[in-house]
Amino acid sequence: MFIPGVPVAADGATFDGAIDEMIDALREYAEDWQDRLLDAPNHREQWGLVQMIELSDDVQLREWLVGSAR
């Protein structure tokens, strides 16, 4: 799975597996961004995404990816 405009992709054997992998990939991206990507021209503008990832728990990220079950 991928999100247009977001430099992260993931896959899984099932839909739920792909979502779990995407959450892990987003967390890894946020960590990499803080460590070294924040000054890279093609990643600099992703600061809002990184803040959202860091301030969200896994349930909130899942809701962001697939929508709320409510």
Protein backbone atom coordinates (compact mmCIF):
# COMPACT_ATOMS: atom_id res chain seq x y z
CA MET A 1 0.00 0.00 0.00
CA PHE A 2 1.09 3.58 -0.51
CA ILE A 3 -0.22 7.03 0.24
CA PRO A 4 0.11 9.59 -2.55
CA GLY A 5 2.51 12.34 -1.52
CA VAL A 6 3.95 10.33 1.37
CA PRO A 7 7.37 8.70 0.84
CA VAL A 8 6.38 5.45 2.58
CA ALA A 9 5.03 2.14 1.26
CA ALA A 10 4.18 -1.20 2.83
CA ASP A 11 2.69 -4.56 1.96
CA GLY A 12 1.18 -7.51 3.75
CA ALA A 13 -0.48 -10.84 3.10
CA THR A 14 -3.83 -9.39 4.22
CA PHE A 15 -5.38 -5.93 4.36
CA ASP A 16 -4.89 -5.78 8.13
CA GLY A 17 -1.32 -6.99 7.73
CA ALA A 18 -0.62 -4.25 5.21
CA ILE A 19 -2.07 -1.64 7.58
CA ASP A 20 0.10 -2.94 10.43
CA GLU A 21 3.16 -2.79 8.15
CA MET A 22 2.26 0.75 7.07
CA ILE A 23 2.02 1.88 10.69
CA ASP A 24 5.48 0.40 11.33
CA ALA A 25 6.83 2.03 8.17
CA LEU A 26 5.39 5.41 9.17
CA ARG A 27 7.01 5.14 12.60
CA GLU A 28 10.35 4.23 11.00
CA TYR A 29 10.05 7.14 8.57
CA ALA A 30 9.37 9.59 11.42
CA GLU A 31 12.43 8.31 13.27
CA ASP A 32 14.61 8.52 10.14
CA TRP A 33 13.26 12.00 9.43
CA GLN A 34 14.28 13.19 12.89
CA ASP A 35 17.72 11.56 12.58
CA ARG A 36 18.74 12.63 9.08
CA LEU A 37 15.99 13.41 6.57
CA LEU A 38 14.75 16.74 7.95
CA ASP A 39 17.38 18.66 5.99
CA ALA A 40 16.94 16.70 2.75
CA PRO A 41 15.16 18.91 0.18
CA ASN A 42 12.76 16.14 -0.88
CA HIS A 43 11.74 15.39 2.75
CA ARG A 44 11.90 18.78 4.43
CA GLU A 45 8.20 19.53 3.89
CA GLN A 46 7.09 16.31 5.63
CA TRP A 47 7.41 17.86 9.12
CA GLY A 48 3.61 17.94 9.58
CA LEU A 49 3.33 14.24 8.77
CA VAL A 50 6.16 13.45 11.18
CA GLN A 51 4.48 15.41 13.98
CA MET A 52 1.18 13.63 13.36
CA ILE A 53 2.92 10.24 13.47
CA GLU A 54 4.79 11.07 16.66
CA LEU A 55 1.70 12.43 18.41
CA SER A 56 -0.58 9.53 17.40
CA ASP A 57 -0.88 6.07 18.87
CA ASP A 58 -1.33 3.04 16.61
CA VAL A 59 -5.13 3.15 16.87
CA GLN A 60 -5.18 6.78 15.73
CA LEU A 61 -2.82 6.04 12.83
CA ARG A 62 -5.02 3.11 11.79
CA GLU A 63 -8.07 5.38 11.82
CA TRP A 64 -6.18 7.92 9.72
CA LEU A 65 -5.27 5.23 7.20
CA VAL A 66 -8.60 3.43 6.88
CA GLY A 67 -11.15 5.78 8.45
CA SER A 68 -13.02 5.55 11.67
CA ALA A 69 -15.26 2.56 12.33
CA ARG A 70 -17.84 4.87 13.88
